[in-house]
């Protein structure tokens, strides 16, 4: 048995766990959300609770004859984004 391999594996596992917690903490601290929307009504409803930094992601497909009203209060550094 090579004890060095086990120590190396343990250190790598510990680093992965630490980075996972750091990443999770950053996501929670920023509060940014990705919200999937399926139609214009969903966009209007999502915009009522959207916060700066949130992103609305439009469902793939054809959006025919839908009036999209996109009004929100983002900031210069954290806009509210609508993407397809």
N, C-alpha and C. Protein backbone atom coordinates (compact mmCIF):
# COMPACT_ATOMS: atom_id res chain seq x y z
N UNK A 1 0.83 -1.19 0.00
CA UNK A 1 0.00 0.00 0.00
C UNK A 1 0.87 1.25 0.00
N UNK A 2 0.42 2.19 -0.77
CA UNK A 2 1.13 3.46 -0.82
C UNK A 2 0.30 4.49 -0.07
N UNK A 3 0.71 4.80 1.14
CA UNK A 3 -0.05 5.73 1.99
C UNK A 3 -0.11 7.13 1.38
N UNK A 4 0.89 7.48 0.59
CA UNK A 4 0.91 8.80 -0.06
C UNK A 4 -0.27 9.00 -0.98
N UNK A 5 -0.70 7.94 -1.67
CA UNK A 5 -1.85 8.04 -2.57
C UNK A 5 -3.12 8.33 -1.78
N UNK A 6 -3.27 7.70 -0.64
CA UNK A 6 -4.46 7.92 0.19
C UNK A 6 -4.48 9.34 0.75
N UNK A 7 -3.34 9.83 1.15
CA UNK A 7 -3.26 11.20 1.65
C UNK A 7 -3.60 12.18 0.53
N UNK A 8 -3.04 11.95 -0.65
CA UNK A 8 -3.31 12.82 -1.81
C UNK A 8 -4.81 12.79 -2.14
N UNK A 9 -5.40 11.60 -2.14
CA UNK A 9 -6.84 11.48 -2.43
C UNK A 9 -7.67 12.23 -1.38
N UNK A 10 -7.30 12.10 -0.11
CA UNK A 10 -8.02 12.78 0.96
C UNK A 10 -7.94 14.30 0.84
N UNK A 11 -6.76 14.79 0.51
CA UNK A 11 -6.60 16.24 0.33
C UNK A 11 -7.44 16.72 -0.84
N UNK A 12 -7.43 15.99 -1.95
CA UNK A 12 -8.21 16.38 -3.12
C UNK A 12 -9.71 16.37 -2.81
N UNK A 13 -10.16 15.36 -2.09
CA UNK A 13 -11.57 15.28 -1.72
C UNK A 13 -11.96 16.46 -0.82
N UNK A 14 -11.11 16.79 0.12
CA UNK A 14 -11.37 17.91 1.02
C UNK A 14 -11.43 19.23 0.25
N UNK A 15 -10.53 19.42 -0.70
CA UNK A 15 -10.54 20.63 -1.52
C UNK A 15 -11.82 20.73 -2.35
N UNK A 16 -12.26 19.61 -2.92
CA UNK A 16 -13.50 19.61 -3.71
C UNK A 16 -14.70 20.00 -2.84
N UNK A 17 -14.75 19.47 -1.64
CA UNK A 17 -15.85 19.80 -0.73
C UNK A 17 -15.81 21.28 -0.37
N UNK A 18 -14.63 21.81 -0.08
CA UNK A 18 -14.50 23.23 0.27
C UNK A 18 -14.94 24.12 -0.89
N UNK A 19 -14.50 23.81 -2.11
CA UNK A 19 -14.89 24.62 -3.26
C UNK A 19 -16.38 24.53 -3.52
N UNK A 20 -16.98 23.38 -3.26
CA UNK A 20 -18.43 23.25 -3.42
C UNK A 20 -19.17 24.18 -2.46
N UNK A 21 -18.73 24.23 -1.21
CA UNK A 21 -19.36 25.11 -0.23
C UNK A 21 -19.16 26.58 -0.59
N UNK A 22 -17.98 26.92 -1.06
CA UNK A 22 -17.71 28.31 -1.46
C UNK A 22 -18.62 28.70 -2.61
N UNK A 23 -18.73 27.83 -3.61
CA UNK A 23 -19.58 28.11 -4.77
C UNK A 23 -21.04 28.24 -4.34
N UNK A 24 -21.52 27.34 -3.50
CA UNK A 24 -22.90 27.39 -3.01
C UNK A 24 -23.14 28.67 -2.23
N UNK A 25 -22.20 29.06 -1.39
CA UNK A 25 -22.34 30.29 -0.60
C UNK A 25 -22.41 31.51 -1.50
N UNK A 26 -21.61 31.53 -2.56
CA UNK A 26 -21.62 32.66 -3.49
C UNK A 26 -22.97 32.76 -4.19
N UNK A 27 -23.50 31.63 -4.64
CA UNK A 27 -24.79 31.63 -5.32
C UNK A 27 -25.88 32.11 -4.37
N UNK A 28 -25.87 31.65 -3.15
CA UNK A 28 -26.89 32.07 -2.18
C UNK A 28 -26.75 33.55 -1.83
N UNK A 29 -25.53 34.03 -1.74
CA UNK A 29 -25.31 35.43 -1.37
C UNK A 29 -25.77 36.38 -2.47
N UNK A 30 -25.56 36.00 -3.73
CA UNK A 30 -25.95 36.89 -4.82
C UNK A 30 -27.45 36.86 -5.04
N UNK A 31 -28.10 35.75 -4.75
CA UNK A 31 -29.55 35.66 -4.89
C UNK A 31 -30.04 35.65 -6.32
N UNK A 32 -29.15 35.47 -7.27
CA UNK A 32 -29.55 35.47 -8.67
C UNK A 32 -30.30 34.18 -8.99
N UNK A 33 -31.41 34.34 -9.73
CA UNK A 33 -32.22 33.17 -10.10
C UNK A 33 -32.35 33.09 -11.61
N UNK A 34 -32.51 31.88 -12.12
CA UNK A 34 -32.86 31.64 -13.52
C UNK A 34 -34.29 31.12 -13.51
N UNK A 35 -35.17 31.84 -14.18
CA UNK A 35 -36.59 31.51 -14.16
C UNK A 35 -37.01 31.14 -15.58
N UNK A 36 -37.51 29.91 -15.76
CA UNK A 36 -37.98 29.48 -17.08
C UNK A 36 -39.41 29.98 -17.28
N UNK A 37 -39.65 30.56 -18.46
CA UNK A 37 -40.98 31.07 -18.78
C UNK A 37 -41.46 30.43 -20.08
N UNK A 38 -42.76 30.14 -20.15
CA UNK A 38 -43.33 29.43 -21.30
C UNK A 38 -44.18 30.30 -22.20
N UNK A 39 -44.57 31.47 -21.71
CA UNK A 39 -45.42 32.35 -22.52
C UNK A 39 -45.35 33.77 -21.94
N UNK A 40 -46.03 34.70 -22.63
CA UNK A 40 -45.99 36.10 -22.21
C UNK A 40 -46.58 36.29 -20.81
N UNK A 41 -47.60 35.52 -20.48
CA UNK A 41 -48.20 35.61 -19.14
C UNK A 41 -47.17 35.24 -18.07
N UNK A 42 -46.39 34.16 -18.31
CA UNK A 42 -45.35 33.76 -17.36
C UNK A 42 -44.32 34.87 -17.16
N UNK A 43 -43.98 35.57 -18.25
CA UNK A 43 -43.01 36.67 -18.14
C UNK A 43 -43.57 37.76 -17.24
N UNK A 44 -44.82 38.13 -17.46
CA UNK A 44 -45.45 39.17 -16.63
C UNK A 44 -45.47 38.77 -15.17
N UNK A 45 -45.83 37.52 -14.88
CA UNK A 45 -45.88 37.04 -13.50
C UNK A 45 -44.48 37.01 -12.88
N UNK A 46 -43.49 36.53 -13.64
CA UNK A 46 -42.13 36.44 -13.12
C UNK A 46 -41.55 37.82 -12.84
N UNK A 47 -41.90 38.80 -13.66
CA UNK A 47 -41.38 40.15 -13.47
C UNK A 47 -41.90 40.80 -12.19
N UNK A 48 -43.02 40.32 -11.68
CA UNK A 48 -43.56 40.87 -10.44
C UNK A 48 -42.66 40.58 -9.24
N UNK A 49 -41.90 39.47 -9.32
CA UNK A 49 -41.03 39.11 -8.20
C UNK A 49 -39.55 39.09 -8.58
N UNK A 50 -39.22 39.42 -9.83
CA UNK A 50 -37.82 39.39 -10.27
C UNK A 50 -37.00 40.44 -9.53
N UNK A 51 -35.79 40.06 -9.19
CA UNK A 51 -34.86 40.93 -8.49
C UNK A 51 -33.67 41.24 -9.39
N UNK A 52 -32.92 42.31 -9.10
CA UNK A 52 -31.72 42.60 -9.88
C UNK A 52 -30.80 41.38 -9.94
N UNK A 53 -30.34 41.06 -11.14
CA UNK A 53 -29.47 39.91 -11.35
C UNK A 53 -30.19 38.66 -11.81
N UNK A 54 -31.52 38.63 -11.72
CA UNK A 54 -32.28 37.46 -12.17
C UNK A 54 -32.31 37.39 -13.69
N UNK A 55 -32.47 36.18 -14.22
CA UNK A 55 -32.56 35.95 -15.66
C UNK A 55 -33.81 35.15 -15.95
N UNK A 56 -34.62 35.64 -16.88
CA UNK A 56 -35.78 34.91 -17.36
C UNK A 56 -35.38 34.22 -18.65
N UNK A 57 -35.58 32.91 -18.71
CA UNK A 57 -35.19 32.13 -19.88
C UNK A 57 -36.45 31.67 -20.60
N UNK A 58 -36.61 32.12 -21.84
CA UNK A 58 -37.79 31.77 -22.63
C UNK A 58 -37.68 30.34 -23.15
N UNK A 59 -38.77 29.58 -23.02
CA UNK A 59 -38.86 28.22 -23.51
C UNK A 59 -38.61 28.21 -25.02
N UNK A 60 -37.89 27.20 -25.51
CA UNK A 60 -37.69 27.05 -26.95
C UNK A 60 -39.02 26.85 -27.65
N UNK A 61 -39.12 27.32 -28.86
CA UNK A 61 -40.33 27.13 -29.64
C UNK A 61 -40.74 28.41 -30.34
N UNK A 62 -41.95 28.43 -30.83
CA UNK A 62 -42.47 29.58 -31.55
C UNK A 62 -43.39 30.36 -30.62
N UNK A 63 -43.10 31.61 -30.47
CA UNK A 63 -43.90 32.50 -29.64
C UNK A 63 -44.69 33.40 -30.58
N UNK A 64 -45.82 32.93 -31.03
CA UNK A 64 -46.59 33.63 -32.06
C UNK A 64 -47.71 34.44 -31.42
N UNK A 65 -47.84 35.68 -31.88
CA UNK A 65 -48.93 36.57 -31.46
C UNK A 65 -49.00 36.74 -29.94
N UNK A 66 -47.86 36.94 -29.31
CA UNK A 66 -47.83 37.19 -27.87
C UNK A 66 -47.21 38.55 -27.61
N UNK A 67 -47.88 39.35 -26.85
CA UNK A 67 -47.38 40.67 -26.48
C UNK A 67 -46.57 40.54 -25.20
N UNK A 68 -45.27 40.77 -25.30
CA UNK A 68 -44.39 40.63 -24.16
C UNK A 68 -44.16 42.00 -23.53
N UNK A 69 -44.53 42.11 -22.27
CA UNK A 69 -44.29 43.34 -21.51
C UNK A 69 -43.19 43.02 -20.49
N UNK A 70 -42.06 43.68 -20.66
CA UNK A 70 -40.89 43.39 -19.84
C UNK A 70 -40.50 44.65 -19.08
N UNK A 71 -41.04 44.79 -17.89
CA UNK A 71 -40.75 45.95 -17.04
C UNK A 71 -40.24 45.45 -15.70
N UNK A 72 -39.10 45.96 -15.29
CA UNK A 72 -38.53 45.54 -14.02
C UNK A 72 -37.58 46.59 -13.49
N UNK A 73 -37.02 46.33 -12.33
CA UNK A 73 -36.11 47.27 -11.69
C UNK A 73 -34.78 46.61 -11.41
N UNK A 74 -33.98 46.44 -12.45
CA UNK A 74 -32.63 45.95 -12.28
C UNK A 74 -31.70 47.12 -11.96
N UNK A 75 -30.42 46.84 -11.91
CA UNK A 75 -29.43 47.88 -11.70
C UNK A 75 -28.43 47.83 -12.85
N UNK A 76 -27.56 48.83 -12.92
CA UNK A 76 -26.56 48.85 -13.98
C UNK A 76 -25.65 47.62 -13.90
N UNK A 77 -25.27 47.23 -12.69
CA UNK A 77 -24.38 46.08 -12.51
C UNK A 77 -25.12 44.76 -12.45
N UNK A 78 -26.40 44.78 -12.12
CA UNK A 78 -27.21 43.56 -12.02
C UNK A 78 -28.55 43.77 -12.71
N UNK A 79 -28.56 43.75 -14.04
CA UNK A 79 -29.82 43.93 -14.75
C UNK A 79 -30.69 42.69 -14.63
N UNK A 80 -31.97 42.85 -14.89
CA UNK A 80 -32.85 41.70 -15.06
C UNK A 80 -32.80 41.36 -16.54
N UNK A 81 -32.50 40.12 -16.86
CA UNK A 81 -32.23 39.72 -18.25
C UNK A 81 -33.34 38.81 -18.75
N UNK A 82 -33.75 39.03 -20.00
CA UNK A 82 -34.68 38.13 -20.70
C UNK A 82 -33.90 37.52 -21.84
N UNK A 83 -33.79 36.20 -21.84
CA UNK A 83 -33.03 35.55 -22.91
C UNK A 83 -33.82 34.39 -23.49
N UNK A 84 -33.52 34.11 -24.76
CA UNK A 84 -34.19 33.00 -25.45
C UNK A 84 -33.21 31.88 -25.66
